[in-house]
Amino acid sequence: MLQPTLKRLFEYNTLSKAEAKEVLVNITRENYSKSEVVAFLSVFMMRPVTVEELSGFRDGLLEQCKHVDLSDFQTIDMCGTGGDGKNTFNISTLASLVVAGAGYKVAKHGNTGVSSACGSSNVMEYLGYKFTNDNELLKRQIDQSGICFLHAPLFHPAMKAVGPIRRELGIKTFFNMLGPMVNPAHPQFQLVGVFSLELARIYQYIYQQSTTKFSIVHSIDGYDEVSLTDAFKVISHKGEKLLKSEDINLPPNRPEDIFGGNTVEESASIFKKVMAGEGTPAQKNAVLANAALAINTMDEQLTFEQCLQKATDSLEGGKAAATFKKLLEII
C-alpha cells in the first residue's frame, strides 16, 4: 500500500534514500495501483526531487538492471534527461556518432520520446538499427564501429510497468531524470543534459560521489543540451562556467532553427541530412558543440577549439557517416 507514503509526501515530507528505493522497486513490480503510481509521480511534478530521493530511485532501477560489460573500453554516454519540451532534432544521437567518428568509444543509452516526437530510439529504429541486449554483439559494435546503442527497455525490464503511464501523461517525471544515471554499461565518462539548473545541482552532487568524469550541461532558456540559442552552463568535475556561443566561436541559433519536426519521419529526414553534411549551419553547429563538449570531457588535455576541430573533421570528413554505416552492418 502506497497511501501512508503518499500522505506523508502530501504533508511536504521527503523520502530517505532507502524509502525511495523501496517505493521504486514496488512500482516496477506493479505492487501498487495505477492511480497510486500517478499520484506518486505527481508529487515530483509539483516539487523538486531531493538528492536522497533521486539516489534511491537510481539504486532501485540499477538493482533490477541487466548489466553490460564493456570494461575493455573507455566509454562515454551522451544522454539528456529529455522533458525540456523543446522538441529539437536528435542532437545528442548525432553528436554521439560524431564523437565515435572522431575515434572515441560511445555507449549511448536512449529511449523512445516521451515529451518529444522522436527520441533517440525512435530515430535509430526507423533508420534500421536493431536493438539488442546481447553483450557480445554490443562489444563487437563498439569495437568495430566505435559506438553501440543501449535501448533502455531491454536493460530495464522493471520500466515496463511505468511505460504506459508515462506515455499517457506525456510530461516529464522523475524517470526522465534517471535515464542518464542508469546506463547499464556504467561508462567512465558522461555528458549529461538537464532541463533545469536545479536538477543540474542535484546531478552534480550525485556524480561527485562517483568515479565518473562528467560534464553536466543546461542551456539557460531551458534546453537539456547546448542549443546555442542562449548562454549555457557547464558543470564538471573540474568546476563550472557559463558560456555563450561566441565563447566557443560559433554563431547563435534561433529555437526554430533546431526544431525536430512533428513526426519520426521528419526527424529522420533531418538526421540523414545532417549526417550527409547537408544540414543547415544551425543544425550542424548544435551537433558539433555537443560533440566537442563530450570529447573535451574525455580528452581534458585538449582545448575546446581542438575538440571542436576533431568533431568538425568527423562530421564534414564523412567519418561520422561511415561510423553509422558500419554500425548498421554489424549483426
Protein backbone atom coordinates (compact mmCIF):
# COMPACT_ATOMS: atom_id res chain seq x y z
CA MET A 1 0.00 0.00 0.00
CA LEU A 2 1.33 3.38 -1.01
CA GLN A 3 -1.26 5.51 0.79
CA PRO A 4 0.74 6.10 4.01
CA THR A 5 3.74 7.24 1.95
CA LEU A 6 1.54 9.46 -0.21
CA LYS A 7 0.01 11.03 2.91
CA ARG A 8 3.49 11.88 4.21
CA LEU A 9 4.51 13.34 0.87
CA PHE A 10 1.33 15.44 0.63
CA GLU A 11 2.26 16.85 4.04
CA TYR A 12 5.51 18.16 2.49
CA ASN A 13 7.79 15.46 3.89
CA THR A 14 10.52 13.83 1.80
CA LEU A 15 11.73 10.25 1.46
CA SER A 16 15.02 8.81 2.66
CA LYS A 17 17.25 7.11 0.10
CA ALA A 18 16.18 3.67 1.35
CA GLU A 19 12.47 4.59 1.24
CA ALA A 20 12.77 5.95 -2.28
CA LYS A 21 14.50 2.79 -3.43
CA GLU A 22 11.80 0.61 -1.85
CA VAL A 23 8.95 2.55 -3.48
CA LEU A 24 10.67 2.45 -6.88
CA VAL A 25 11.12 -1.33 -6.66
CA ASN A 26 7.49 -1.77 -5.64
CA ILE A 27 6.30 0.45 -8.52
CA THR A 28 8.26 -1.57 -11.06
CA ARG A 29 6.97 -4.84 -9.60
CA GLU A 30 3.46 -3.48 -10.03
CA ASN A 31 2.67 -3.76 -6.33
CA TYR A 32 0.67 -0.53 -6.45
CA SER A 33 -2.43 0.51 -8.37
CA LYS A 34 -2.12 2.76 -11.40
CA SER A 35 -3.83 5.63 -9.57
CA GLU A 36 -1.36 5.32 -6.68
CA VAL A 37 1.56 5.49 -9.11
CA VAL A 38 0.13 8.54 -10.89
CA ALA A 39 -0.36 10.27 -7.52
CA PHE A 40 3.22 9.43 -6.55
CA LEU A 41 4.64 10.73 -9.84
CA SER A 42 2.53 13.88 -9.48
CA VAL A 43 4.28 14.79 -6.22
CA PHE A 44 7.56 15.22 -8.09
CA MET A 45 5.95 17.28 -10.82
CA MET A 46 4.96 19.81 -8.19
CA ARG A 47 8.10 19.93 -6.09
CA PRO A 48 11.79 19.22 -6.72
CA VAL A 49 13.16 15.75 -6.10
CA THR A 50 15.84 15.66 -3.38
CA VAL A 51 19.32 14.19 -3.77
CA GLU A 52 18.39 11.35 -1.39
CA GLU A 53 15.21 10.56 -3.31
CA LEU A 54 16.85 10.57 -6.74
CA SER A 55 19.75 8.47 -5.46
CA GLY A 56 17.28 5.96 -4.05
CA PHE A 57 15.28 5.80 -7.28
CA ARG A 58 18.53 5.26 -9.20
CA ASP A 59 19.64 2.45 -6.89
CA GLY A 60 16.24 0.77 -7.23
CA LEU A 61 16.48 0.73 -11.01
CA LEU A 62 20.13 -0.36 -11.13
CA GLU A 63 19.41 -3.24 -8.75
CA GLN A 64 16.97 -4.67 -11.30
CA CYS A 65 19.02 -3.79 -14.39
CA LYS A 66 20.54 -6.21 -16.92
CA HIS A 67 24.15 -5.01 -16.88
CA VAL A 68 26.50 -4.87 -19.87
CA ASP A 69 30.24 -5.50 -19.65
CA LEU A 70 32.11 -3.04 -21.88
CA SER A 71 35.01 -2.74 -19.45
CA ASP A 72 37.53 -3.43 -22.24
CA PHE A 73 36.82 0.10 -23.48
CA GLN A 74 36.91 3.66 -22.16
CA THR A 75 33.37 4.77 -22.98
CA ILE A 76 31.24 7.89 -22.80
CA ASP A 77 27.47 8.24 -22.76
CA MET A 78 25.87 11.38 -24.14
CA CYS A 79 22.36 11.43 -22.82
CA GLY A 80 19.88 14.15 -21.97
CA THR A 81 17.15 13.87 -19.40
CA GLY A 82 14.58 14.86 -22.00
CA GLY A 83 11.50 16.53 -20.68
CA ASP A 84 12.55 20.02 -21.75
CA GLY A 85 9.53 20.23 -24.04
CA LYS A 86 11.63 21.83 -26.80
CA ASN A 87 11.22 19.08 -29.42
CA THR A 88 14.62 19.54 -31.01
CA PHE A 89 16.02 17.23 -33.67
CA ASN A 90 18.16 14.34 -32.40
CA ILE A 91 21.18 16.41 -31.42
CA SER A 92 22.73 14.05 -28.83
CA THR A 93 22.30 10.99 -31.07
CA LEU A 94 24.04 12.70 -33.98
CA ALA A 95 26.70 14.12 -31.65
CA SER A 96 27.32 10.59 -30.34
CA LEU A 97 28.05 9.36 -33.87
CA VAL A 98 30.32 12.36 -34.45
CA VAL A 99 32.27 11.53 -31.28
CA ALA A 100 32.58 7.88 -32.35
CA GLY A 101 33.71 9.03 -35.80
CA ALA A 102 36.41 11.08 -34.08
CA GLY A 103 37.86 7.89 -32.59
CA TYR A 104 36.23 7.67 -29.16
CA LYS A 105 34.05 4.86 -27.80
CA VAL A 106 30.40 5.70 -27.13
CA ALA A 107 27.86 3.58 -25.20
CA LYS A 108 24.69 5.57 -25.92
CA HIS A 109 21.79 4.98 -23.57
CA GLY A 110 18.45 6.01 -25.03
CA ASN A 111 14.73 5.52 -25.22
CA THR A 112 11.70 6.45 -27.25
CA GLY A 113 10.44 10.02 -26.94
CA VAL A 114 8.15 10.85 -24.05
CA SER A 115 7.79 14.63 -24.29
CA SER A 116 9.17 14.96 -27.84
CA ALA A 117 8.01 13.48 -31.12
CA CYS A 118 11.14 11.43 -31.64
CA GLY A 119 13.61 10.13 -29.06
CA SER A 120 16.97 8.56 -29.92
CA SER A 121 15.48 5.06 -30.01
CA ASN A 122 12.70 6.17 -32.38
CA VAL A 123 15.11 7.55 -34.95
CA MET A 124 17.64 4.72 -34.68
CA GLU A 125 14.95 2.09 -35.15
CA TYR A 126 13.43 4.00 -38.07
CA LEU A 127 16.86 4.14 -39.76
CA GLY A 128 17.37 0.39 -39.45
CA TYR A 129 19.25 -0.22 -36.21
CA LYS A 130 18.22 -3.43 -34.45
CA PHE A 131 18.18 -3.07 -30.69
CA THR A 132 19.87 -5.81 -28.71
CA ASN A 133 20.97 -6.65 -25.18
CA ASP A 134 23.38 -9.33 -26.40
CA ASN A 135 26.64 -8.45 -24.66
CA GLU A 136 28.92 -9.98 -27.31
CA LEU A 137 27.14 -8.20 -30.16
CA LEU A 138 27.30 -4.86 -28.32
CA LYS A 139 31.04 -5.40 -27.74
CA ARG A 140 31.54 -6.10 -31.45
CA GLN A 141 29.62 -2.97 -32.36
CA ILE A 142 31.63 -0.70 -30.09
CA ASP A 143 34.90 -2.39 -31.04
CA GLN A 144 34.38 -2.19 -34.81
CA SER A 145 32.30 0.97 -35.24
CA GLY A 146 33.09 2.87 -32.04
CA ILE A 147 29.51 3.01 -30.81
CA CYS A 148 26.61 0.91 -29.60
CA PHE A 149 23.09 1.89 -28.58
CA LEU A 150 21.53 0.62 -25.39
CA HIS A 151 17.75 0.78 -25.72
CA ALA A 152 16.62 1.32 -22.13
CA PRO A 153 13.62 -1.08 -22.06
CA LEU A 154 15.87 -4.04 -22.99
CA PHE A 155 18.04 -3.41 -19.93
CA HIS A 156 15.46 -2.11 -17.50
CA PRO A 157 12.58 -4.59 -17.71
CA ALA A 158 11.32 -3.04 -14.50
CA MET A 159 10.41 0.08 -16.50
CA LYS A 160 7.76 -1.88 -18.41
CA ALA A 161 5.27 -1.23 -15.63
CA VAL A 162 5.55 2.56 -15.85
CA GLY A 163 5.98 2.92 -19.64
CA PRO A 164 2.24 3.13 -20.42
CA ILE A 165 1.65 5.57 -17.56
CA ARG A 166 4.49 7.85 -18.72
CA ARG A 167 3.17 7.79 -22.28
CA GLU A 168 -0.36 8.64 -21.14
CA LEU A 169 0.91 11.52 -19.01
CA GLY A 170 3.17 12.77 -21.83
CA ILE A 171 5.08 15.09 -19.50
CA LYS A 172 8.36 14.77 -17.66
CA THR A 173 8.51 12.73 -14.48
CA PHE A 174 11.42 11.79 -12.25
CA PHE A 175 12.02 8.86 -14.62
CA ASN A 176 13.34 11.42 -17.13
CA MET A 177 15.86 12.44 -14.50
CA LEU A 178 17.00 8.85 -14.02
CA GLY A 179 17.83 7.98 -17.65
CA PRO A 180 21.41 9.27 -17.77
CA MET A 181 22.26 7.75 -14.37
CA VAL A 182 21.23 4.17 -15.14
CA ASN A 183 23.31 3.34 -18.21
CA PRO A 184 23.73 -0.47 -17.94
CA ALA A 185 27.32 -0.27 -19.24
CA HIS A 186 28.45 2.09 -16.45
CA PRO A 187 30.59 4.31 -18.74
CA GLN A 188 33.62 6.01 -17.25
CA PHE A 189 32.64 9.35 -18.83
CA GLN A 190 29.31 11.08 -19.11
CA LEU A 191 27.91 14.15 -20.84
CA VAL A 192 24.52 14.81 -19.28
CA GLY A 193 22.00 17.37 -20.48
CA VAL A 194 19.42 18.50 -17.91
CA PHE A 195 16.25 20.59 -18.25
CA SER A 196 16.81 22.82 -15.19
CA LEU A 197 19.64 24.34 -13.17
CA GLU A 198 18.07 22.90 -10.05
CA LEU A 199 18.44 19.39 -11.46
CA ALA A 200 21.98 20.21 -12.60
CA ARG A 201 22.90 20.85 -8.96
CA ILE A 202 21.38 17.54 -7.85
CA TYR A 203 23.26 15.69 -10.60
CA GLN A 204 26.47 17.48 -9.66
CA TYR A 205 26.19 16.31 -6.07
CA ILE A 206 25.39 12.70 -7.06
CA TYR A 207 28.18 12.50 -9.68
CA GLN A 208 30.71 13.98 -7.29
CA GLN A 209 30.18 10.90 -5.10
CA SER A 210 31.19 8.64 -8.02
CA THR A 211 34.34 7.98 -10.06
CA THR A 212 32.66 9.11 -13.30
CA LYS A 213 34.29 12.01 -15.16
CA PHE A 214 31.31 14.15 -16.08
CA SER A 215 30.05 17.31 -17.74
CA ILE A 216 26.51 18.47 -16.98
CA VAL A 217 25.05 20.97 -19.41
CA HIS A 218 21.96 23.17 -19.30
CA SER A 219 21.01 25.97 -21.66
CA ILE A 220 19.64 28.90 -19.69
CA ASP A 221 16.50 29.07 -21.84
CA GLY A 222 15.61 25.50 -20.85
CA TYR A 223 17.24 23.10 -23.33
CA ASP A 224 18.82 19.90 -21.98
CA GLU A 225 21.80 20.30 -24.33
CA VAL A 226 23.96 23.02 -25.88
CA SER A 227 21.34 24.59 -28.14
CA LEU A 228 23.31 27.80 -28.91
CA THR A 229 20.00 29.65 -28.50
CA ASP A 230 21.18 31.19 -25.22
CA ALA A 231 24.04 31.02 -22.76
CA PHE A 232 24.67 27.56 -21.33
CA LYS A 233 26.01 26.32 -18.03
CA VAL A 234 28.63 23.56 -17.94
CA ILE A 235 29.27 21.89 -14.58
CA SER A 236 32.03 19.28 -14.46
CA HIS A 237 34.38 17.52 -12.07
CA LYS A 238 36.76 20.43 -12.81
CA GLY A 239 34.38 23.26 -11.91
CA GLU A 240 31.69 25.23 -13.67
CA LYS A 241 31.33 28.01 -16.22
CA LEU A 242 28.67 29.97 -18.06
CA LEU A 243 29.37 30.20 -21.80
CA LYS A 244 27.79 31.91 -24.78
CA SER A 245 28.01 30.78 -28.39
CA GLU A 246 30.65 33.40 -29.15
CA ASP A 247 32.84 31.99 -26.37
CA ILE A 248 33.19 28.79 -28.42
CA ASN A 249 33.43 30.63 -31.77
CA LEU A 250 30.01 29.57 -33.03
CA PRO A 251 27.12 31.83 -34.09
CA PRO A 252 23.91 31.84 -32.04
CA ASN A 253 20.88 29.77 -33.10
CA ARG A 254 17.18 30.57 -33.03
CA PRO A 255 14.81 27.98 -31.48
CA GLU A 256 13.09 27.39 -34.83
CA ASP A 257 16.48 26.53 -36.37
CA ILE A 258 16.81 23.37 -34.29
CA PHE A 259 13.19 22.19 -34.27
CA GLY A 260 12.93 18.43 -34.81
CA GLY A 261 9.65 18.19 -36.69
CA ASN A 262 6.36 16.67 -35.61
CA THR A 263 6.92 13.06 -36.68
CA VAL A 264 9.61 10.40 -36.60
CA GLU A 265 9.81 10.68 -40.41
CA GLU A 266 10.58 14.41 -40.22
CA SER A 267 13.19 13.86 -37.51
CA ALA A 268 14.80 11.04 -39.51
CA SER A 269 14.94 13.27 -42.57
CA ILE A 270 16.82 15.94 -40.60
CA PHE A 271 19.08 13.25 -39.14
CA LYS A 272 20.05 11.93 -42.58
CA LYS A 273 20.70 15.41 -43.96
CA VAL A 274 22.95 16.39 -41.06
CA MET A 275 24.80 13.05 -41.26
CA ALA A 276 25.36 13.57 -45.00
CA GLY A 277 26.76 17.05 -44.42
CA GLU A 278 23.64 18.68 -45.87
CA GLY A 279 22.13 20.05 -42.64
CA THR A 280 21.71 23.75 -42.04
CA PRO A 281 24.58 25.63 -40.36
CA ALA A 282 22.44 25.91 -37.20
CA GLN A 283 21.82 22.14 -37.10
CA LYS A 284 25.45 21.34 -37.76
CA ASN A 285 26.73 23.79 -35.12
CA ALA A 286 24.41 22.43 -32.42
CA VAL A 287 25.67 18.90 -33.08
CA LEU A 288 29.32 19.99 -33.17
CA ALA A 289 29.06 21.98 -29.93
CA ASN A 290 27.72 18.98 -28.03
CA ALA A 291 30.19 16.58 -29.65
CA ALA A 292 33.10 18.88 -28.79
CA LEU A 293 31.96 19.10 -25.18
CA ALA A 294 31.84 15.29 -24.99
CA ILE A 295 35.33 14.98 -26.50
CA ASN A 296 36.60 17.57 -24.03
CA THR A 297 35.09 15.54 -21.16
CA MET A 298 37.16 12.52 -22.26
CA ASP A 299 40.24 14.33 -23.54
CA GLU A 300 40.86 17.03 -20.96
CA GLN A 301 44.29 17.97 -22.24
CA LEU A 302 42.74 19.29 -25.47
CA THR A 303 41.42 22.82 -25.73
CA PHE A 304 37.76 23.25 -26.64
CA GLU A 305 38.87 24.59 -30.02
CA GLN A 306 40.82 21.39 -30.68
CA CYS A 307 37.80 19.30 -29.65
CA LEU A 308 35.57 21.33 -31.96
CA GLN A 309 38.03 20.72 -34.80
CA LYS A 310 38.01 16.97 -34.14
CA ALA A 311 34.21 16.99 -34.19
CA THR A 312 34.15 19.05 -37.39
CA ASP A 313 36.60 16.69 -39.08
CA SER A 314 34.42 13.74 -38.10
CA LEU A 315 31.19 15.23 -39.44
CA GLU A 316 32.45 17.06 -42.52
CA GLY A 317 35.04 14.41 -43.36
CA GLY A 318 32.38 11.70 -43.51
CA LYS A 319 33.76 9.75 -40.54
CA ALA A 320 30.51 10.03 -38.56
CA ALA A 321 28.51 8.79 -41.57
CA ALA A 322 30.95 5.90 -42.05
CA THR A 323 30.58 5.03 -38.36
CA PHE A 324 26.80 4.86 -38.71
CA LYS A 325 27.01 2.78 -41.89
CA LYS A 326 29.44 0.36 -40.22
CA LEU A 327 27.25 0.08 -37.13
CA LEU A 328 24.23 -0.96 -39.19
CA GLU A 329 26.30 -3.71 -40.86
CA ILE A 330 27.33 -5.42 -37.60
CA ILE A 331 24.76 -8.08 -36.79
